N, C-alpha and C. Protein backbone atom coordinates (compact mmCIF):
# COMPACT_ATOMS: atom_id res chain seq x y z
N MET A 1 -132.94 128.99 -44.77
CA MET A 1 -132.39 127.69 -44.49
C MET A 1 -133.54 126.68 -44.50
N ASN A 2 -133.38 125.62 -45.26
CA ASN A 2 -134.41 124.61 -45.38
C ASN A 2 -134.16 123.51 -44.35
N HIS A 3 -135.10 123.30 -43.45
CA HIS A 3 -134.95 122.30 -42.39
C HIS A 3 -135.70 121.01 -42.68
N SER A 4 -136.15 120.85 -43.90
CA SER A 4 -136.89 119.63 -44.21
C SER A 4 -135.90 118.47 -44.38
N ILE A 5 -136.35 117.31 -43.96
CA ILE A 5 -135.53 116.11 -44.05
C ILE A 5 -136.01 115.30 -45.24
N LYS A 6 -135.09 114.94 -46.09
CA LYS A 6 -135.44 114.17 -47.27
C LYS A 6 -135.54 112.70 -46.89
N ARG A 7 -136.68 112.09 -47.16
CA ARG A 7 -136.89 110.68 -46.93
C ARG A 7 -136.63 109.96 -48.25
N CYS A 8 -135.74 109.01 -48.25
CA CYS A 8 -135.38 108.30 -49.47
C CYS A 8 -136.23 107.05 -49.64
N GLY A 9 -137.52 107.18 -49.52
CA GLY A 9 -138.40 106.04 -49.73
C GLY A 9 -138.63 105.21 -48.48
N ALA A 10 -137.89 105.43 -47.43
CA ALA A 10 -138.06 104.66 -46.21
C ALA A 10 -139.31 105.12 -45.49
N SER A 11 -140.01 104.16 -44.94
CA SER A 11 -141.23 104.53 -44.23
C SER A 11 -140.88 105.26 -42.95
N GLN A 12 -141.71 106.20 -42.61
CA GLN A 12 -141.47 107.02 -41.43
C GLN A 12 -141.86 106.25 -40.19
N GLY A 13 -141.03 106.33 -39.13
CA GLY A 13 -141.32 105.63 -37.90
C GLY A 13 -142.46 106.28 -37.15
N ARG A 14 -143.50 105.53 -36.91
CA ARG A 14 -144.64 106.01 -36.15
C ARG A 14 -144.73 105.22 -34.86
N LEU A 15 -145.38 105.78 -33.89
CA LEU A 15 -145.51 105.15 -32.58
C LEU A 15 -146.20 103.80 -32.68
N THR A 16 -147.22 103.69 -33.51
CA THR A 16 -147.93 102.41 -33.63
C THR A 16 -147.02 101.32 -34.18
N SER A 17 -146.15 101.70 -35.10
CA SER A 17 -145.20 100.73 -35.65
C SER A 17 -144.27 100.20 -34.55
N TYR A 18 -143.80 101.09 -33.70
CA TYR A 18 -142.92 100.67 -32.61
C TYR A 18 -143.65 99.83 -31.58
N ILE A 19 -144.91 100.17 -31.30
CA ILE A 19 -145.68 99.39 -30.32
C ILE A 19 -145.96 97.99 -30.85
N VAL A 20 -146.36 97.88 -32.11
CA VAL A 20 -146.62 96.57 -32.71
C VAL A 20 -145.33 95.74 -32.73
N GLY A 21 -144.22 96.34 -33.11
CA GLY A 21 -142.94 95.64 -33.11
C GLY A 21 -142.54 95.19 -31.72
N PHE A 22 -142.78 96.04 -30.73
CA PHE A 22 -142.45 95.68 -29.34
C PHE A 22 -143.30 94.51 -28.87
N ILE A 23 -144.59 94.52 -29.19
CA ILE A 23 -145.46 93.41 -28.78
C ILE A 23 -145.03 92.11 -29.45
N PHE A 24 -144.74 92.16 -30.75
CA PHE A 24 -144.25 90.96 -31.44
C PHE A 24 -142.93 90.47 -30.83
N SER A 25 -142.04 91.39 -30.48
CA SER A 25 -140.77 91.02 -29.89
C SER A 25 -140.96 90.34 -28.54
N ILE A 26 -141.86 90.86 -27.73
CA ILE A 26 -142.14 90.25 -26.43
C ILE A 26 -142.70 88.84 -26.61
N ILE A 27 -143.66 88.68 -27.52
CA ILE A 27 -144.25 87.36 -27.77
C ILE A 27 -143.20 86.38 -28.26
N LEU A 28 -142.36 86.83 -29.21
CA LEU A 28 -141.34 85.94 -29.77
C LEU A 28 -140.20 85.66 -28.80
N THR A 29 -140.12 86.40 -27.71
CA THR A 29 -139.15 86.11 -26.66
C THR A 29 -139.75 85.18 -25.62
N ILE A 30 -141.01 85.36 -25.31
CA ILE A 30 -141.67 84.54 -24.28
C ILE A 30 -141.85 83.10 -24.74
N ILE A 31 -142.17 82.88 -26.00
CA ILE A 31 -142.41 81.53 -26.50
C ILE A 31 -141.22 80.60 -26.26
N PRO A 32 -139.99 80.94 -26.69
CA PRO A 32 -138.87 80.02 -26.42
C PRO A 32 -138.59 79.85 -24.92
N PHE A 33 -138.70 80.92 -24.14
CA PHE A 33 -138.49 80.78 -22.69
C PHE A 33 -139.49 79.83 -22.08
N TRP A 34 -140.74 79.94 -22.46
CA TRP A 34 -141.78 79.07 -21.92
C TRP A 34 -141.51 77.61 -22.28
N ILE A 35 -141.11 77.36 -23.54
CA ILE A 35 -140.83 76.00 -23.99
C ILE A 35 -139.64 75.42 -23.24
N VAL A 36 -138.60 76.21 -23.04
CA VAL A 36 -137.41 75.71 -22.35
C VAL A 36 -137.68 75.50 -20.86
N ILE A 37 -138.38 76.43 -20.23
CA ILE A 37 -138.62 76.33 -18.79
C ILE A 37 -139.50 75.13 -18.46
N TYR A 38 -140.56 74.92 -19.22
CA TYR A 38 -141.50 73.84 -18.90
C TYR A 38 -141.15 72.51 -19.55
N ARG A 39 -140.18 72.48 -20.43
CA ARG A 39 -139.67 71.25 -21.06
C ARG A 39 -140.78 70.31 -21.51
N ASN A 40 -141.70 70.82 -22.25
CA ASN A 40 -142.82 70.00 -22.69
C ASN A 40 -142.68 69.52 -24.14
N MET A 41 -141.50 69.64 -24.71
CA MET A 41 -141.25 69.19 -26.08
C MET A 41 -139.94 68.42 -26.14
N SER A 42 -139.75 67.70 -27.22
CA SER A 42 -138.48 67.02 -27.41
C SER A 42 -137.38 68.04 -27.71
N TYR A 43 -136.14 67.60 -27.60
CA TYR A 43 -135.00 68.50 -27.80
C TYR A 43 -134.99 69.07 -29.22
N SER A 44 -135.20 68.22 -30.22
CA SER A 44 -135.14 68.70 -31.61
C SER A 44 -136.27 69.68 -31.91
N ASN A 45 -137.46 69.42 -31.39
CA ASN A 45 -138.56 70.36 -31.59
C ASN A 45 -138.30 71.68 -30.88
N THR A 46 -137.69 71.62 -29.70
CA THR A 46 -137.36 72.83 -28.95
C THR A 46 -136.38 73.69 -29.74
N ILE A 47 -135.35 73.07 -30.29
CA ILE A 47 -134.36 73.80 -31.09
C ILE A 47 -135.02 74.40 -32.32
N TYR A 48 -135.90 73.63 -32.96
CA TYR A 48 -136.59 74.12 -34.15
C TYR A 48 -137.43 75.36 -33.81
N ILE A 49 -138.18 75.32 -32.74
CA ILE A 49 -139.02 76.45 -32.33
C ILE A 49 -138.16 77.67 -32.00
N ILE A 50 -137.04 77.47 -31.32
CA ILE A 50 -136.16 78.57 -30.95
C ILE A 50 -135.58 79.23 -32.20
N VAL A 51 -135.16 78.44 -33.17
CA VAL A 51 -134.60 78.99 -34.40
C VAL A 51 -135.67 79.76 -35.19
N VAL A 52 -136.86 79.20 -35.28
CA VAL A 52 -137.95 79.87 -36.01
C VAL A 52 -138.28 81.20 -35.32
N CYS A 53 -138.36 81.20 -33.99
CA CYS A 53 -138.65 82.45 -33.26
C CYS A 53 -137.53 83.46 -33.44
N ALA A 54 -136.29 83.00 -33.49
CA ALA A 54 -135.15 83.91 -33.68
C ALA A 54 -135.19 84.57 -35.05
N VAL A 55 -135.50 83.79 -36.08
CA VAL A 55 -135.59 84.34 -37.43
C VAL A 55 -136.75 85.33 -37.52
N MET A 56 -137.88 84.97 -36.93
CA MET A 56 -139.02 85.88 -36.93
C MET A 56 -138.70 87.15 -36.15
N GLN A 57 -137.96 87.01 -35.06
CA GLN A 57 -137.55 88.17 -34.26
C GLN A 57 -136.68 89.13 -35.10
N MET A 58 -135.75 88.56 -35.89
CA MET A 58 -134.92 89.39 -36.75
C MET A 58 -135.77 90.14 -37.78
N LEU A 59 -136.75 89.45 -38.36
CA LEU A 59 -137.63 90.10 -39.34
C LEU A 59 -138.45 91.21 -38.69
N VAL A 60 -138.93 90.98 -37.49
CA VAL A 60 -139.69 92.01 -36.78
C VAL A 60 -138.83 93.24 -36.56
N HIS A 61 -137.58 93.03 -36.15
CA HIS A 61 -136.69 94.17 -35.91
C HIS A 61 -136.40 94.92 -37.21
N LEU A 62 -136.17 94.19 -38.29
CA LEU A 62 -135.89 94.84 -39.57
C LEU A 62 -137.09 95.64 -40.07
N ILE A 63 -138.28 95.09 -39.93
CA ILE A 63 -139.46 95.73 -40.49
C ILE A 63 -140.00 96.84 -39.60
N TYR A 64 -140.17 96.55 -38.30
CA TYR A 64 -140.87 97.50 -37.43
C TYR A 64 -139.95 98.54 -36.78
N PHE A 65 -138.69 98.19 -36.54
CA PHE A 65 -137.80 99.15 -35.88
C PHE A 65 -136.85 99.83 -36.84
N LEU A 66 -136.27 99.09 -37.78
CA LEU A 66 -135.35 99.69 -38.74
C LEU A 66 -136.06 100.16 -40.01
N HIS A 67 -137.32 99.78 -40.19
CA HIS A 67 -138.14 100.20 -41.33
C HIS A 67 -137.47 99.88 -42.66
N LEU A 68 -136.92 98.68 -42.77
CA LEU A 68 -136.29 98.26 -44.02
C LEU A 68 -137.30 97.49 -44.85
N ASP A 69 -137.35 97.80 -46.12
CA ASP A 69 -138.15 97.05 -47.06
C ASP A 69 -137.44 97.06 -48.41
N VAL A 70 -137.98 96.32 -49.36
CA VAL A 70 -137.30 96.18 -50.65
C VAL A 70 -137.41 97.43 -51.51
N ARG A 71 -138.34 98.30 -51.22
CA ARG A 71 -138.53 99.50 -52.05
C ARG A 71 -137.68 100.68 -51.62
N SER A 72 -137.27 100.73 -50.36
CA SER A 72 -136.57 101.92 -49.88
C SER A 72 -135.12 101.94 -50.35
N GLU A 73 -134.60 103.14 -50.45
CA GLU A 73 -133.21 103.39 -50.87
C GLU A 73 -132.90 102.81 -52.25
N GLY A 74 -133.87 102.75 -53.10
CA GLY A 74 -133.65 102.29 -54.46
C GLY A 74 -133.21 100.84 -54.57
N GLY A 75 -133.61 100.02 -53.63
CA GLY A 75 -133.25 98.60 -53.66
C GLY A 75 -131.97 98.26 -52.93
N TRP A 76 -131.23 99.24 -52.47
CA TRP A 76 -129.96 98.98 -51.78
C TRP A 76 -130.18 98.28 -50.44
N ASN A 77 -131.30 98.54 -49.80
CA ASN A 77 -131.58 97.85 -48.54
C ASN A 77 -131.71 96.35 -48.76
N MET A 78 -132.31 95.95 -49.87
CA MET A 78 -132.45 94.52 -50.17
C MET A 78 -131.09 93.88 -50.37
N ILE A 79 -130.19 94.57 -51.04
CA ILE A 79 -128.84 94.05 -51.24
C ILE A 79 -128.13 93.91 -49.90
N ALA A 80 -128.30 94.89 -49.02
CA ALA A 80 -127.68 94.83 -47.69
C ALA A 80 -128.26 93.68 -46.87
N ILE A 81 -129.56 93.45 -46.98
CA ILE A 81 -130.18 92.35 -46.24
C ILE A 81 -129.68 91.01 -46.75
N VAL A 82 -129.61 90.84 -48.06
CA VAL A 82 -129.12 89.58 -48.63
C VAL A 82 -127.67 89.35 -48.23
N PHE A 83 -126.84 90.39 -48.28
CA PHE A 83 -125.44 90.26 -47.87
C PHE A 83 -125.35 89.88 -46.39
N SER A 84 -126.17 90.49 -45.56
CA SER A 84 -126.16 90.17 -44.13
C SER A 84 -126.58 88.73 -43.88
N ILE A 85 -127.58 88.26 -44.61
CA ILE A 85 -128.02 86.87 -44.47
C ILE A 85 -126.90 85.91 -44.87
N ILE A 86 -126.19 86.22 -45.94
CA ILE A 86 -125.08 85.37 -46.37
C ILE A 86 -123.99 85.33 -45.31
N ILE A 87 -123.62 86.47 -44.76
CA ILE A 87 -122.57 86.53 -43.73
C ILE A 87 -122.99 85.76 -42.48
N VAL A 88 -124.24 85.96 -42.03
CA VAL A 88 -124.72 85.26 -40.84
C VAL A 88 -124.76 83.76 -41.08
N THR A 89 -125.18 83.34 -42.26
CA THR A 89 -125.20 81.91 -42.60
C THR A 89 -123.79 81.33 -42.58
N ILE A 90 -122.83 82.03 -43.15
CA ILE A 90 -121.44 81.55 -43.13
C ILE A 90 -120.94 81.43 -41.70
N LEU A 91 -121.24 82.41 -40.86
CA LEU A 91 -120.80 82.36 -39.46
C LEU A 91 -121.42 81.19 -38.71
N ILE A 92 -122.71 80.98 -38.87
CA ILE A 92 -123.39 79.91 -38.14
C ILE A 92 -122.94 78.55 -38.63
N VAL A 93 -122.96 78.34 -39.93
CA VAL A 93 -122.56 77.03 -40.49
C VAL A 93 -121.09 76.76 -40.20
N GLY A 94 -120.25 77.76 -40.35
CA GLY A 94 -118.82 77.58 -40.06
C GLY A 94 -118.57 77.26 -38.60
N SER A 95 -119.27 77.93 -37.70
CA SER A 95 -119.10 77.67 -36.27
C SER A 95 -119.56 76.25 -35.92
N LEU A 96 -120.71 75.85 -36.46
CA LEU A 96 -121.19 74.49 -36.20
C LEU A 96 -120.25 73.44 -36.76
N TRP A 97 -119.71 73.69 -37.94
CA TRP A 97 -118.77 72.76 -38.56
C TRP A 97 -117.50 72.62 -37.71
N ILE A 98 -116.96 73.74 -37.26
CA ILE A 98 -115.76 73.73 -36.42
C ILE A 98 -116.04 73.01 -35.10
N MET A 99 -117.17 73.30 -34.46
CA MET A 99 -117.48 72.65 -33.19
C MET A 99 -117.67 71.15 -33.36
N HIS A 100 -118.31 70.74 -34.46
CA HIS A 100 -118.50 69.31 -34.72
C HIS A 100 -117.15 68.61 -34.89
N HIS A 101 -116.27 69.21 -35.69
CA HIS A 101 -114.97 68.58 -35.92
C HIS A 101 -114.10 68.59 -34.67
N LEU A 102 -114.16 69.65 -33.88
CA LEU A 102 -113.42 69.67 -32.62
C LEU A 102 -113.92 68.60 -31.67
N ASN A 103 -115.22 68.45 -31.59
CA ASN A 103 -115.80 67.42 -30.73
C ASN A 103 -115.38 66.03 -31.20
N TYR A 104 -115.42 65.79 -32.50
CA TYR A 104 -115.03 64.49 -33.06
C TYR A 104 -113.55 64.22 -32.79
N ASN A 105 -112.69 65.20 -33.02
CA ASN A 105 -111.25 65.00 -32.82
C ASN A 105 -110.88 64.87 -31.34
N MET A 106 -111.59 65.52 -30.46
CA MET A 106 -111.28 65.41 -29.03
C MET A 106 -111.73 64.07 -28.47
N MET A 107 -112.76 63.47 -29.05
CA MET A 107 -113.26 62.19 -28.56
C MET A 107 -112.34 61.04 -28.99
N ILE A 108 -111.63 61.18 -30.07
CA ILE A 108 -110.74 60.11 -30.56
C ILE A 108 -109.53 59.98 -29.65
N HIS A 109 -108.97 61.06 -29.21
CA HIS A 109 -107.73 61.02 -28.45
C HIS A 109 -108.05 60.83 -27.03
């Protein structure tokens, strides 16, 4: 019986990879909390920093914890990532559009 596990091009999870990802995750979580708690920036800059940290946090999770890259699984991971980005964009833009129109319509009446 062969107990070897076939790796389909995905990088193997090593402890150092998880530690580096954890440190990046902690830093990218502390930055927005610090900015919001101490209120030392304007509202638009605060939102911009939070969004940038959130996107970077997602990339850290994909690279260091899920070990996804464009070469693994014969390129199928890249297709899954692009599809996920499209779905998340539709959800965010659609939600903001709905909330804006609800706010506008509620203020008129």
